[in-house]
Amino acid sequence: MSRIIFVSVLAAALLTGCGESQARSLNGNWKSSDGTFLAQVQNNRITINLHVEDTTGLYWRGTFTGKGREIKSYANRKALENAIFGSEDRTKVFVVKGHEIRFHFSINGVDKVVSLRRSH
């Protein structure tokens, strides 16, 4: 009888998605380890500012739907049209892995994967 209970509990855990795959809120403040990228996520909206020396400017502002490993964000083109550091992308894919949000950043032909971690 105990084996049946164990199998039932294991099956329930696998079906509900425990551990890293479990959906969690991305709401909060995030930043890159070097402090160049500062992000705020709130209610399926993400804003990322690029901080260079004494200047901070908008890099990305967009909305997204769903939760999962890959989240597609749609740019707020109106907010980005006059942003000096603003991305020209219409969409951006954010990858949620562990306790990080990653995205591709590109400038002057140089590509980089940026990792953001929750800041406190």
PDB file of N, CA and C in Angstrom:
ATOM      1  N   MET A   1       0.814  -1.190   0.000  1.00  0.00           N
ATOM      2  CA  MET A   1       0.000   0.000   0.000  1.00  0.00           C
ATOM      3  C   MET A   1       0.864   1.263   0.000  1.00  0.00           C
ATOM      4  N   SER A   2       1.967   1.297   0.737  1.00  0.00           N
ATOM      5  CA  SER A   2       2.802   2.491   0.810  1.00  0.00           C
ATOM      6  C   SER A   2       3.455   2.802  -0.537  1.00  0.00           C
ATOM      7  N   ARG A   3       3.738   1.782  -1.337  1.00  0.00           N
ATOM      8  CA  ARG A   3       4.321   2.014  -2.660  1.00  0.00           C
ATOM      9  C   ARG A   3       3.332   2.763  -3.553  1.00  0.00           C
ATOM     10  N   ILE A   4       2.075   2.460  -3.471  1.00  0.00           N
ATOM     11  CA  ILE A   4       1.051   3.143  -4.258  1.00  0.00           C
ATOM     12  C   ILE A   4       0.969   4.612  -3.853  1.00  0.00           C
ATOM     13  N   ILE A   5       1.044   4.888  -2.562  1.00  0.00           N
ATOM     14  CA  ILE A   5       1.002   6.271  -2.085  1.00  0.00           C
ATOM     15  C   ILE A   5       2.222   7.033  -2.593  1.00  0.00           C
ATOM     16  N   PHE A   6       3.419   6.414  -2.514  1.00  0.00           N
ATOM     17  CA  PHE A   6       4.644   7.049  -2.983  1.00  0.00           C
ATOM     18  C   PHE A   6       4.540   7.376  -4.474  1.00  0.00           C
ATOM     19  N   VAL A   7       4.090   6.447  -5.285  1.00  0.00           N
ATOM     20  CA  VAL A   7       3.955   6.656  -6.725  1.00  0.00           C
ATOM     21  C   VAL A   7       2.945   7.770  -7.004  1.00  0.00           C
ATOM     22  N   SER A   8       1.860   7.828  -6.253  1.00  0.00           N
ATOM     23  CA  SER A   8       0.856   8.877  -6.427  1.00  0.00           C
ATOM     24  C   SER A   8       1.433  10.252  -6.105  1.00  0.00           C
ATOM     25  N   VAL A   9       2.197  10.348  -5.017  1.00  0.00           N
ATOM     26  CA  VAL A   9       2.805  11.617  -4.630  1.00  0.00           C
ATOM     27  C   VAL A   9       3.838  12.046  -5.669  1.00  0.00           C
ATOM     28  N   LEU A  10       4.650  11.113  -6.139  1.00  0.00           N
ATOM     29  CA  LEU A  10       5.656  11.413  -7.152  1.00  0.00           C
ATOM     30  C   LEU A  10       4.990  11.894  -8.441  1.00  0.00           C
ATOM     31  N   ALA A  11       3.940  11.223  -8.873  1.00  0.00           N
ATOM     32  CA  ALA A  11       3.224  11.613 -10.089  1.00  0.00           C
ATOM     33  C   ALA A  11       2.617  13.007  -9.932  1.00  0.00           C
ATOM     34  N   ALA A  12       2.045  13.293  -8.791  1.00  0.00           N
ATOM     35  CA  ALA A  12       1.452  14.613  -8.554  1.00  0.00           C
ATOM     36  C   ALA A  12       2.525  15.703  -8.608  1.00  0.00           C
ATOM     37  N   ALA A  13       3.698  15.436  -8.030  1.00  0.00           N
ATOM     38  CA  ALA A  13       4.786  16.406  -8.044  1.00  0.00           C
ATOM     39  C   ALA A  13       5.261  16.665  -9.470  1.00  0.00           C
ATOM     40  N   LEU A  14       5.382  15.623 -10.273  1.00  0.00           N
ATOM     41  CA  LEU A  14       5.819  15.786 -11.651  1.00  0.00           C
ATOM     42  C   LEU A  14       4.785  16.527 -12.492  1.00  0.00           C
ATOM     43  N   LEU A  15       3.521  16.276 -12.269  1.00  0.00           N
ATOM     44  CA  LEU A  15       2.465  16.921 -13.037  1.00  0.00           C
ATOM     45  C   LEU A  15       2.297  18.390 -12.687  1.00  0.00           C
ATOM     46  N   THR A  16       2.541  18.757 -11.437  1.00  0.00           N
ATOM     47  CA  THR A  16       2.379  20.155 -11.042  1.00  0.00           C
ATOM     48  C   THR A  16       3.637  20.965 -11.283  1.00  0.00           C
ATOM     49  N   GLY A  17       4.757  20.325 -11.613  1.00  0.00           N
ATOM     50  CA  GLY A  17       5.983  21.044 -11.941  1.00  0.00           C
ATOM     51  C   GLY A  17       6.678  21.605 -10.732  1.00  0.00           C
ATOM     52  N   CYS A  18       7.462  20.809 -10.075  1.00  0.00           N
ATOM     53  CA  CYS A  18       8.180  21.292  -8.903  1.00  0.00           C
ATOM     54  C   CYS A  18       9.567  21.780  -9.310  1.00  0.00           C
ATOM     55  N   GLY A  19      10.255  22.437  -8.406  1.00  0.00           N
ATOM     56  CA  GLY A  19      11.627  22.868  -8.629  1.00  0.00           C
ATOM     57  C   GLY A  19      11.727  24.053  -9.566  1.00  0.00           C
ATOM     58  N   GLU A  20      12.774  24.095 -10.429  1.00  0.00           N
ATOM     59  CA  GLU A  20      13.069  25.219 -11.305  1.00  0.00           C
ATOM     60  C   GLU A  20      11.983  25.477 -12.330  1.00  0.00           C
ATOM     61  N   SER A  21      11.270  24.431 -12.749  1.00  0.00           N
ATOM     62  CA  SER A  21      10.278  24.623 -13.795  1.00  0.00           C
ATOM     63  C   SER A  21       8.980  25.226 -13.263  1.00  0.00           C
ATOM     64  N   GLN A  22       8.848  25.309 -11.967  1.00  0.00           N
ATOM     65  CA  GLN A  22       7.625  25.845 -11.387  1.00  0.00           C
ATOM     66  C   GLN A  22       7.532  27.344 -11.685  1.00  0.00           C
ATOM     67  N   ALA A  23       6.339  27.755 -12.123  1.00  0.00           N
ATOM     68  CA  ALA A  23       6.138  29.163 -12.455  1.00  0.00           C
ATOM     69  C   ALA A  23       6.310  30.023 -11.204  1.00  0.00           C
ATOM     70  N   ARG A  24       7.013  31.138 -11.356  1.00  0.00           N
ATOM     71  CA  ARG A  24       7.188  32.052 -10.239  1.00  0.00           C
ATOM     72  C   ARG A  24       7.112  33.476 -10.777  1.00  0.00           C
ATOM     73  N   SER A  25       6.832  34.383  -9.904  1.00  0.00           N
ATOM     74  CA  SER A  25       6.692  35.774 -10.302  1.00  0.00           C
ATOM     75  C   SER A  25       8.054  36.371 -10.654  1.00  0.00           C
ATOM     76  N   LEU A  26       8.085  37.128 -11.724  1.00  0.00           N
ATOM     77  CA  LEU A  26       9.300  37.844 -12.112  1.00  0.00           C
ATOM     78  C   LEU A  26       9.271  39.285 -11.615  1.00  0.00           C
ATOM     79  N   ASN A  27       8.178  39.672 -10.957  1.00  0.00           N
ATOM     80  CA  ASN A  27       8.045  41.042 -10.459  1.00  0.00           C
ATOM     81  C   ASN A  27       9.211  41.399  -9.546  1.00  0.00           C
ATOM     82  N   GLY A  28       9.715  42.603  -9.722  1.00  0.00           N
ATOM     83  CA  GLY A  28      10.794  43.079  -8.865  1.00  0.00           C
ATOM     84  C   GLY A  28      11.862  43.803  -9.651  1.00  0.00           C
ATOM     85  N   ASN A  29      12.957  44.103  -8.977  1.00  0.00           N
ATOM     86  CA  ASN A  29      14.098  44.794  -9.578  1.00  0.00           C
ATOM     87  C   ASN A  29      15.184  43.786  -9.897  1.00  0.00           C
ATOM     88  N   TRP A  30      15.823  43.971 -11.043  1.00  0.00           N
ATOM     89  CA  TRP A  30      16.860  43.071 -11.535  1.00  0.00           C
ATOM     90  C   TRP A  30      18.038  43.908 -12.010  1.00  0.00           C
ATOM     91  N   LYS A  31      19.248  43.334 -11.958  1.00  0.00           N
ATOM     92  CA  LYS A  31      20.401  44.052 -12.497  1.00  0.00           C
ATOM     93  C   LYS A  31      21.478  43.080 -12.942  1.00  0.00           C
ATOM     94  N   SER A  32      22.316  43.549 -13.861  1.00  0.00           N
ATOM     95  CA  SER A  32      23.461  42.756 -14.306  1.00  0.00           C
ATOM     96  C   SER A  32      24.547  42.847 -13.233  1.00  0.00           C
ATOM     97  N   SER A  33      25.461  41.889 -13.248  1.00  0.00           N
ATOM     98  CA  SER A  33      26.495  41.846 -12.205  1.00  0.00           C
ATOM     99  C   SER A  33      27.381  43.083 -12.219  1.00  0.00           C
ATOM    100  N   ASP A  34      27.567  43.699 -13.381  1.00  0.00           N
ATOM    101  CA  ASP A  34      28.400  44.899 -13.456  1.00  0.00           C
ATOM    102  C   ASP A  34      27.608  46.191 -13.281  1.00  0.00           C
ATOM    103  N   GLY A  35      26.294  46.081 -13.098  1.00  0.00           N
ATOM    104  CA  GLY A  35      25.451  47.250 -12.877  1.00  0.00           C
ATOM    105  C   GLY A  35      25.127  48.052 -14.131  1.00  0.00           C
ATOM    106  N   THR A  36      25.495  47.539 -15.302  1.00  0.00           N
ATOM    107  CA  THR A  36      25.235  48.252 -16.551  1.00  0.00           C
ATOM    108  C   THR A  36      23.761  48.232 -16.927  1.00  0.00           C
ATOM    109  N   PHE A  37      23.084  47.117 -16.644  1.00  0.00           N
ATOM    110  CA  PHE A  37      21.677  46.973 -16.977  1.00  0.00           C
ATOM    111  C   PHE A  37      20.853  46.887 -15.697  1.00  0.00           C
ATOM    112  N   LEU A  38      19.846  47.742 -15.589  1.00  0.00           N
ATOM    113  CA  LEU A  38      18.954  47.768 -14.441  1.00  0.00           C
ATOM    114  C   LEU A  38      17.539  47.571 -14.965  1.00  0.00           C
ATOM    115  N   ALA A  39      16.824  46.603 -14.411  1.00  0.00           N
ATOM    116  CA  ALA A  39      15.494  46.283 -14.925  1.00  0.00           C
ATOM    117  C   ALA A  39      14.453  46.290 -13.817  1.00  0.00           C
ATOM    118  N   GLN A  40      13.227  46.600 -14.232  1.00  0.00           N
ATOM    119  CA  GLN A  40      12.063  46.505 -13.350  1.00  0.00           C
ATOM    120  C   GLN A  40      11.014  45.687 -14.082  1.00  0.00           C
ATOM    121  N   VAL A  41      10.477  44.696 -13.388  1.00  0.00           N
ATOM    122  CA  VAL A  41       9.397  43.886 -13.935  1.00  0.00           C
ATOM    123  C   VAL A  41       8.202  44.056 -13.017  1.00  0.00           C
ATOM    124  N   GLN A  42       7.066  44.384 -13.615  1.00  0.00           N
ATOM    125  CA  GLN A  42       5.851  44.558 -12.843  1.00  0.00           C
ATOM    126  C   GLN A  42       4.641  44.276 -13.726  1.00  0.00           C
ATOM    127  N   ASN A  43       3.830  43.328 -13.310  1.00  0.00           N
ATOM    128  CA  ASN A  43       2.568  43.026 -13.990  1.00  0.00           C
ATOM    129  C   ASN A  43       2.724  42.840 -15.496  1.00  0.00           C
ATOM    130  N   ASN A  44       3.609  41.938 -15.898  1.00  0.00           N
ATOM    131  CA  ASN A  44       3.851  41.600 -17.303  1.00  0.00           C
ATOM    132  C   ASN A  44       4.378  42.766 -18.133  1.00  0.00           C
ATOM    133  N   ARG A  45       5.059  43.679 -17.477  1.00  0.00           N
ATOM    134  CA  ARG A  45       5.741  44.789 -18.150  1.00  0.00           C
ATOM    135  C   ARG A  45       7.193  44.770 -17.692  1.00  0.00           C
ATOM    136  N   ILE A  46       8.091  45.027 -18.642  1.00  0.00           N
ATOM    137  CA  ILE A  46       9.511  45.064 -18.294  1.00  0.00           C
ATOM    138  C   ILE A  46      10.123  46.349 -18.843  1.00  0.00           C
ATOM    139  N   THR A  47      10.917  46.999 -18.002  1.00  0.00           N
ATOM    140  CA  THR A  47      11.658  48.194 -18.380  1.00  0.00           C
ATOM    141  C   THR A  47      13.117  47.937 -18.033  1.00  0.00           C
ATOM    142  N   ILE A  48      13.994  48.158 -19.019  1.00  0.00           N
ATOM    143  CA  ILE A  48      15.433  47.982 -18.787  1.00  0.00           C
ATOM    144  C   ILE A  48      16.132  49.284 -19.122  1.00  0.00           C
ATOM    145  N   ASN A  49      16.918  49.761 -18.181  1.00  0.00           N
ATOM    146  CA  ASN A  49      17.736  50.954 -18.390  1.00  0.00           C
ATOM    147  C   ASN A  49      19.187  50.540 -18.519  1.00  0.00           C
ATOM    148  N   LEU A  50      19.900  51.248 -19.379  1.00  0.00           N
ATOM    149  CA  LEU A  50      21.325  51.035 -19.590  1.00  0.00           C
ATOM    150  C   LEU A  50      22.056  52.150 -18.866  1.00  0.00           C
ATOM    151  N   HIS A  51      22.986  51.781 -17.995  1.00  0.00           N
ATOM    152  CA  HIS A  51      23.729  52.753 -17.182  1.00  0.00           C
ATOM    153  C   HIS A  51      25.192  52.735 -17.628  1.00  0.00           C
ATOM    154  N   VAL A  52      25.645  53.870 -18.176  1.00  0.00           N
ATOM    155  CA  VAL A  52      27.028  53.999 -18.638  1.00  0.00           C
ATOM    156  C   VAL A  52      27.614  55.251 -18.011  1.00  0.00           C
ATOM    157  N   GLU A  53      28.667  55.078 -17.248  1.00  0.00           N
ATOM    158  CA  GLU A  53      29.323  56.165 -16.516  1.00  0.00           C
ATOM    159  C   GLU A  53      28.294  56.966 -15.728  1.00  0.00           C
ATOM    160  N   ASP A  54      28.085  58.236 -16.063  1.00  0.00           N
ATOM    161  CA  ASP A  54      27.144  59.082 -15.313  1.00  0.00           C
ATOM    162  C   ASP A  54      25.778  59.172 -15.970  1.00  0.00           C
ATOM    163  N   THR A  55      25.538  58.365 -16.986  1.00  0.00           N
ATOM    164  CA  THR A  55      24.309  58.476 -17.766  1.00  0.00           C
ATOM    165  C   THR A  55      23.490  57.204 -17.692  1.00  0.00           C
ATOM    166  N   THR A  56      22.196  57.371 -17.493  1.00  0.00           N
ATOM    167  CA  THR A  56      21.266  56.241 -17.513  1.00  0.00           C
ATOM    168  C   THR A  56      20.181  56.565 -18.526  1.00  0.00           C
ATOM    169  N   GLY A  57      19.886  55.600 -19.390  1.00  0.00           N
ATOM    170  CA  GLY A  57      18.855  55.820 -20.390  1.00  0.00           C
ATOM    171  C   GLY A  57      18.066  54.555 -20.656  1.00  0.00           C
ATOM    172  N   LEU A  58      16.891  54.746 -21.185  1.00  0.00           N
ATOM    173  CA  LEU A  58      15.999  53.641 -21.486  1.00  0.00           C
ATOM    174  C   LEU A  58      16.573  52.770 -22.607  1.00  0.00           C
ATOM    175  N   TYR A  59      16.658  51.470 -22.357  1.00  0.00           N
ATOM    176  CA  TYR A  59      17.085  50.518 -23.381  1.00  0.00           C
ATOM    177  C   TYR A  59      15.887  49.720 -23.915  1.00  0.00           C
ATOM    178  N   TRP A  60      14.992  49.280 -23.031  1.00  0.00           N
ATOM    179  CA  TRP A  60      13.855  48.464 -23.449  1.00  0.00           C
ATOM    180  C   TRP A  60      12.650  48.738 -22.563  1.00  0.00           C
ATOM    181  N   ARG A  61      11.499  48.833 -23.178  1.00  0.00           N
ATOM    182  CA  ARG A  61      10.241  48.867 -22.443  1.00  0.00           C
ATOM    183  C   ARG A  61       9.262  48.049 -23.261  1.00  0.00           C
ATOM    184  N   GLY A  62       8.663  47.073 -22.616  1.00  0.00           N
ATOM    185  CA  GLY A  62       7.736  46.219 -23.340  1.00  0.00           C
ATOM    186  C   GLY A  62       6.826  45.436 -22.421  1.00  0.00           C
ATOM    187  N   THR A  63       5.907  44.740 -23.047  1.00  0.00           N
ATOM    188  CA  THR A  63       4.974  43.876 -22.335  1.00  0.00           C
ATOM    189  C   THR A  63       5.253  42.435 -22.735  1.00  0.00           C
ATOM    190  N   PHE A  64       4.783  41.510 -21.928  1.00  0.00           N
ATOM    191  CA  PHE A  64       4.903  40.102 -22.265  1.00  0.00           C
ATOM    192  C   PHE A  64       3.722  39.353 -21.680  1.00  0.00           C
ATOM    193  N   THR A  65       3.477  38.196 -22.251  1.00  0.00           N
ATOM    194  CA  THR A  65       2.403  37.346 -21.741  1.00  0.00           C
ATOM    195  C   THR A  65       2.968  35.974 -21.436  1.00  0.00           C
ATOM    196  N   GLY A  66       2.312  35.302 -20.538  1.00  0.00           N
ATOM    197  CA  GLY A  66       2.695  33.930 -20.214  1.00  0.00           C
ATOM    198  C   GLY A  66       3.880  33.847 -19.281  1.00  0.00           C
ATOM    199  N   LYS A  67       4.091  32.644 -18.832  1.00  0.00           N
ATOM    200  CA  LYS A  67       5.220  32.344 -17.961  1.00  0.00           C
ATOM    201  C   LYS A  67       5.854  31.076 -18.488  1.00  0.00           C
ATOM    202  N   GLY A  68       7.122  30.979 -18.368  1.00  0.00           N
ATOM    203  CA  GLY A  68       7.824  29.811 -18.849  1.00  0.00           C
ATOM    204  C   GLY A  68       9.296  30.124 -18.967  1.00  0.00           C
ATOM    205  N   ARG A  69       9.997  29.267 -19.644  1.00  0.00           N
ATOM    206  CA  ARG A  69      11.443  29.436 -19.793  1.00  0.00           C
ATOM    207  C   ARG A  69      11.770  30.574 -20.762  1.00  0.00           C
ATOM    208  N   GLU A  70      11.039  30.659 -21.879  1.00  0.00           N
ATOM    209  CA  GLU A  70      11.251  31.729 -22.852  1.00  0.00           C
ATOM    210  C   GLU A  70      10.026  32.628 -22.891  1.00  0.00           C
ATOM    211  N   ILE A  71      10.261  33.915 -22.697  1.00  0.00           N
ATOM    212  CA  ILE A  71       9.176  34.883 -22.669  1.00  0.00           C
ATOM    213  C   ILE A  71       9.425  35.899 -23.779  1.00  0.00           C
ATOM    214  N   LYS A  72       8.440  36.079 -24.627  1.00  0.00           N
ATOM    215  CA  LYS A  72       8.559  37.044 -25.723  1.00  0.00           C
ATOM    216  C   LYS A  72       7.930  38.365 -25.291  1.00  0.00           C
ATOM    217  N   SER A  73       8.719  39.427 -25.407  1.00  0.00           N
ATOM    218  CA  SER A  73       8.263  40.756 -25.026  1.00  0.00           C
ATOM    219  C   SER A  73       8.065  41.587 -26.289  1.00  0.00           C
ATOM    220  N   TYR A  74       7.026  42.410 -26.280  1.00  0.00           N
ATOM    221  CA  TYR A  74       6.708  43.283 -27.398  1.00  0.00           C
ATOM    222  C   TYR A  74       7.039  44.714 -27.009  1.00  0.00           C
ATOM    223  N   ALA A  75       7.855  45.365 -27.834  1.00  0.00           N
ATOM    224  CA  ALA A  75       8.353  46.698 -27.521  1.00  0.00           C
ATOM    225  C   ALA A  75       7.253  47.742 -27.483  1.00  0.00           C
ATOM    226  N   ASN A  76       7.414  48.697 -26.590  1.00  0.00           N
ATOM    227  CA  ASN A  76       6.604  49.893 -26.565  1.00  0.00           C
ATOM    228  C   ASN A  76       7.349  50.892 -27.454  1.00  0.00           C
ATOM    229  N   ARG A  77       7.041  50.876 -28.748  1.00  0.00           N
ATOM    230  CA  ARG A  77       7.777  51.676 -29.731  1.00  0.00           C
ATOM    231  C   ARG A  77       7.687  53.181 -29.435  1.00  0.00           C
ATOM    232  N   LYS A  78       6.565  53.630 -28.918  1.00  0.00           N
ATOM    233  CA  LYS A  78       6.396  55.053 -28.605  1.00  0.00           C
ATOM    234  C   LYS A  78       7.416  55.480 -27.537  1.00  0.00           C
ATOM    235  N   ALA A  79       7.587  54.656 -26.502  1.00  0.00           N
ATOM    236  CA  ALA A  79       8.522  54.974 -25.422  1.00  0.00           C
ATOM    237  C   ALA A  79       9.975  54.910 -25.899  1.00  0.00           C
ATOM    238  N   LEU A  80      10.263  54.033 -26.859  1.00  0.00           N
ATOM    239  CA  LEU A  80      11.638  53.823 -27.298  1.00  0.00           C
ATOM    240  C   LEU A  80      12.079  54.724 -28.450  1.00  0.00           C
ATOM    241  N   GLU A  81      11.133  55.372 -29.129  1.00  0.00           N
ATOM    242  CA  GLU A  81      11.482  56.091 -30.357  1.00  0.00           C
ATOM    243  C   GLU A  81      12.485  57.225 -30.148  1.00  0.00           C
ATOM    244  N   ASN A  82      12.508  57.853 -29.007  1.00  0.00           N
ATOM    245  CA  ASN A  82      13.450  58.950 -28.746  1.00  0.00           C
ATOM    246  C   ASN A  82      14.516  58.587 -27.711  1.00  0.00           C
ATOM    247  N   ALA A  83      14.575  57.316 -27.322  1.00  0.00           N
ATOM    248  CA  ALA A  83      15.551  56.885 -26.320  1.00  0.00           C
ATOM    249  C   ALA A  83      16.925  56.729 -26.973  1.00  0.00           C
ATOM    250  N   ILE A  84      17.906  57.432 -26.455  1.00  0.00           N
ATOM    251  CA  ILE A  84      19.256  57.391 -27.020  1.00  0.00           C
ATOM    252  C   ILE A  84      19.821  55.971 -27.023  1.00  0.00           C
ATOM    253  N   PHE A  85      19.617  55.234 -25.923  1.00  0.00           N
ATOM    254  CA  PHE A  85      20.122  53.867 -25.819  1.00  0.00           C
ATOM    255  C   PHE A  85      19.072  52.844 -26.241  1.00  0.00           C
ATOM    256  N   GLY A  86      17.920  53.294 -26.715  1.00  0.00           N
ATOM    257  CA  GLY A  86      16.788  52.414 -26.976  1.00  0.00           C
ATOM    258  C   GLY A  86      17.035  51.358 -28.036  1.00  0.00           C
ATOM    259  N   SER A  87      16.587  50.160 -27.762  1.00  0.00           N
ATOM    260  CA  SER A  87      16.668  49.063 -28.710  1.00  0.00           C
ATOM    261  C   SER A  87      15.740  49.340 -29.891  1.00  0.00           C
ATOM    262  N   GLU A  88      16.156  48.929 -31.066  1.00  0.00           N
ATOM    263  CA  GLU A  88      15.324  49.067 -32.261  1.00  0.00           C
ATOM    264  C   GLU A  88      14.515  47.799 -32.527  1.00  0.00           C
ATOM    265  N   ASP A  89      14.702  46.784 -31.707  1.00  0.00           N
ATOM    266  CA  ASP A  89      13.969  45.528 -31.881  1.00  0.00           C
ATOM    267  C   ASP A  89      12.485  45.745 -31.608  1.00  0.00           C
ATOM    268  N   ARG A  90      11.651  45.056 -32.360  1.00  0.00           N
ATOM    269  CA  ARG A  90      10.204  45.103 -32.122  1.00  0.00           C
ATOM    270  C   ARG A  90       9.798  44.076 -31.064  1.00  0.00           C
ATOM    271  N   THR A  91      10.555  42.983 -30.982  1.00  0.00           N
ATOM    272  CA  THR A  91      10.334  41.961 -29.960  1.00  0.00           C
ATOM    273  C   THR A  91      11.679  41.557 -29.380  1.00  0.00           C
ATOM    274  N   LYS A  92      11.632  41.027 -28.192  1.00  0.00           N
ATOM    275  CA  LYS A  92      12.848  40.540 -27.541  1.00  0.00           C
ATOM    276  C   LYS A  92      12.472  39.307 -26.739  1.00  0.00           C
ATOM    277  N   VAL A  93      13.299  38.275 -26.843  1.00  0.00           N
ATOM    278  CA  VAL A  93      13.060  37.042 -26.096  1.00  0.00           C
ATOM    279  C   VAL A  93      13.919  37.066 -24.839  1.00  0.00           C
ATOM    280  N   PHE A  94      13.258  36.859 -23.711  1.00  0.00           N
ATOM    281  CA  PHE A  94      13.931  36.758 -22.423  1.00  0.00           C
ATOM    282  C   PHE A  94      13.884  35.298 -21.996  1.00  0.00           C
ATOM    283  N   VAL A  95      15.024  34.776 -21.569  1.00  0.00           N
ATOM    284  CA  VAL A  95      15.113  33.389 -21.114  1.00  0.00           C
ATOM    285  C   VAL A  95      15.248  33.396 -19.600  1.00  0.00           C
ATOM    286  N   VAL A  96      14.338  32.718 -18.941  1.00  0.00           N
ATOM    287  CA  VAL A  96      14.362  32.615 -17.486  1.00  0.00           C
ATOM    288  C   VAL A  96      15.014  31.280 -17.155  1.00  0.00           C
ATOM    289  N   LYS A  97      16.148  31.349 -16.484  1.00  0.00           N
ATOM    290  CA  LYS A  97      16.894  30.138 -16.137  1.00  0.00           C
ATOM    291  C   LYS A  97      17.406  30.278 -14.719  1.00  0.00           C
ATOM    292  N   GLY A  98      16.935  29.383 -13.867  1.00  0.00           N
ATOM    293  CA  GLY A  98      17.321  29.473 -12.463  1.00  0.00           C
ATOM    294  C   GLY A  98      16.841  30.779 -11.885  1.00  0.00           C
ATOM    295  N   HIS A  99      17.766  31.547 -11.351  1.00  0.00           N
ATOM    296  CA  HIS A  99      17.431  32.844 -10.743  1.00  0.00           C
ATOM    297  C   HIS A  99      17.885  33.997 -11.631  1.00  0.00           C
ATOM    298  N   GLU A 100      17.929  33.760 -12.942  1.00  0.00           N
ATOM    299  CA  GLU A 100      18.388  34.769 -13.885  1.00  0.00           C
ATOM    300  C   GLU A 100      17.378  34.984 -15.005  1.00  0.00           C
ATOM    301  N   ILE A 101      17.412  36.190 -15.539  1.00  0.00           N
ATOM    302  CA  ILE A 101      16.723  36.515 -16.774  1.00  0.00           C
ATOM    303  C   ILE A 101      17.823  36.897 -17.758  1.00  0.00           C
ATOM    304  N   ARG A 102      17.842  36.231 -18.919  1.00  0.00           N
ATOM    305  CA  ARG A 102      18.883  36.500 -19.912  1.00  0.00           C
ATOM    306  C   ARG A 102      18.258  37.032 -21.195  1.00  0.00           C
ATOM    307  N   PHE A 103      19.012  37.896 -21.875  1.00  0.00           N
ATOM    308  CA  PHE A 103      18.569  38.402 -23.168  1.00  0.00           C
ATOM    309  C   PHE A 103      19.792  38.779 -24.007  1.00  0.00           C
ATOM    310  N   HIS A 104      19.585  38.865 -25.317  1.00  0.00           N
ATOM    311  CA  HIS A 104      20.661  39.247 -26.232  1.00  0.00           C
ATOM    312  C   HIS A 104      20.689  40.760 -26.380  1.00  0.00           C
ATOM    313  N   PHE A 105      21.882  41.307 -26.276  1.00  0.00           N
ATOM    314  CA  PHE A 105      22.121  42.733 -26.447  1.00  0.00           C
ATOM    315  C   PHE A 105      23.122  42.869 -27.585  1.00  0.00           C
ATOM    316  N   SER A 106      22.875  43.808 -28.472  1.00  0.00           N
ATOM    317  CA  SER A 106      23.773  43.993 -29.597  1.00  0.00           C
ATOM    318  C   SER A 106      23.948  45.481 -29.877  1.00  0.00           C
ATOM    319  N   ILE A 107      25.201  45.868 -30.109  1.00  0.00           N
ATOM    320  CA  ILE A 107      25.500  47.260 -30.443  1.00  0.00           C
ATOM    321  C   ILE A 107      26.743  47.278 -31.336  1.00  0.00           C
ATOM    322  N   ASN A 108      26.682  48.040 -32.397  1.00  0.00           N
ATOM    323  CA  ASN A 108      27.805  48.171 -33.337  1.00  0.00           C
ATOM    324  C   ASN A 108      28.382  46.828 -33.764  1.00  0.00           C
ATOM    325  N   GLY A 109      27.516  45.870 -34.026  1.00  0.00           N
ATOM    326  CA  GLY A 109      27.951  44.568 -34.512  1.00  0.00           C
ATOM    327  C   GLY A 109      28.488  43.625 -33.452  1.00  0.00           C
ATOM    328  N   VAL A 110      28.464  44.031 -32.202  1.00  0.00           N
ATOM    329  CA  VAL A 110      28.929  43.175 -31.109  1.00  0.00           C
ATOM    330  C   VAL A 110      27.709  42.653 -30.361  1.00  0.00           C
ATOM    331  N   ASP A 111      27.631  41.328 -30.239  1.00  0.00           N
ATOM    332  CA  ASP A 111      26.523  40.688 -29.529  1.00  0.00           C
ATOM    333  C   ASP A 111      26.993  40.199 -28.166  1.00  0.00           C
ATOM    334  N   LYS A 112      26.080  40.298 -27.204  1.00  0.00           N
ATOM    335  CA  LYS A 112      26.392  39.859 -25.842  1.00  0.00           C
ATOM    336  C   LYS A 112      25.126  39.302 -25.220  1.00  0.00           C
ATOM    337  N   VAL A 113      25.258  38.262 -24.420  1.00  0.00           N
ATOM    338  CA  VAL A 113      24.135  37.773 -23.626  1.00  0.00           C
ATOM    339  C   VAL A 113      24.241  38.426 -22.255  1.00  0.00           C
ATOM    340  N   VAL A 114      23.188  39.127 -21.874  1.00  0.00           N
ATOM    341  CA  VAL A 114      23.156  39.817 -20.591  1.00  0.00           C
ATOM    342  C   VAL A 114      22.367  38.966 -19.607  1.00  0.00           C
ATOM    343  N   SER A 115      22.913  38.784 -18.425  1.00  0.00           N
ATOM    344  CA  SER A 115      22.240  38.049 -17.357  1.00  0.00           C
ATOM    345  C   SER A 115      21.857  39.022 -16.257  1.00  0.00           C
ATOM    346  N   LEU A 116      20.594  39.003 -15.896  1.00  0.00           N
ATOM    347  CA  LEU A 116      20.087  39.843 -14.817  1.00  0.00           C
ATOM    348  C   LEU A 116      19.747  38.965 -13.628  1.00  0.00           C
ATOM    349  N   ARG A 117      20.080  39.438 -12.458  1.00  0.00           N
ATOM    350  CA  ARG A 117      19.701  38.738 -11.220  1.00  0.00           C
ATOM    351  C   ARG A 117      18.876  39.692 -10.374  1.00  0.00           C
ATOM    352  N   ARG A 118      17.979  39.120  -9.618  1.00  0.00           N
ATOM    353  CA  ARG A 118      17.099  39.937  -8.757  1.00  0.00           C
ATOM    354  C   ARG A 118      17.954  40.717  -7.767  1.00  0.00           C
ATOM    355  N   SER A 119      17.668  42.006  -7.636  1.00  0.00           N
ATOM    356  CA  SER A 119      18.387  42.822  -6.656  1.00  0.00           C
ATOM    357  C   SER A 119      17.455  43.125  -5.489  1.00  0.00           C
ATOM    358  N   HIS A 120      18.050  43.404  -4.360  1.00  0.00           N
ATOM    359  CA  HIS A 120      17.245  43.616  -3.150  1.00  0.00           C
ATOM    360  C   HIS A 120      17.347  45.013  -2.657  1.00  0.00           C
TER     361      HIS A 120
END
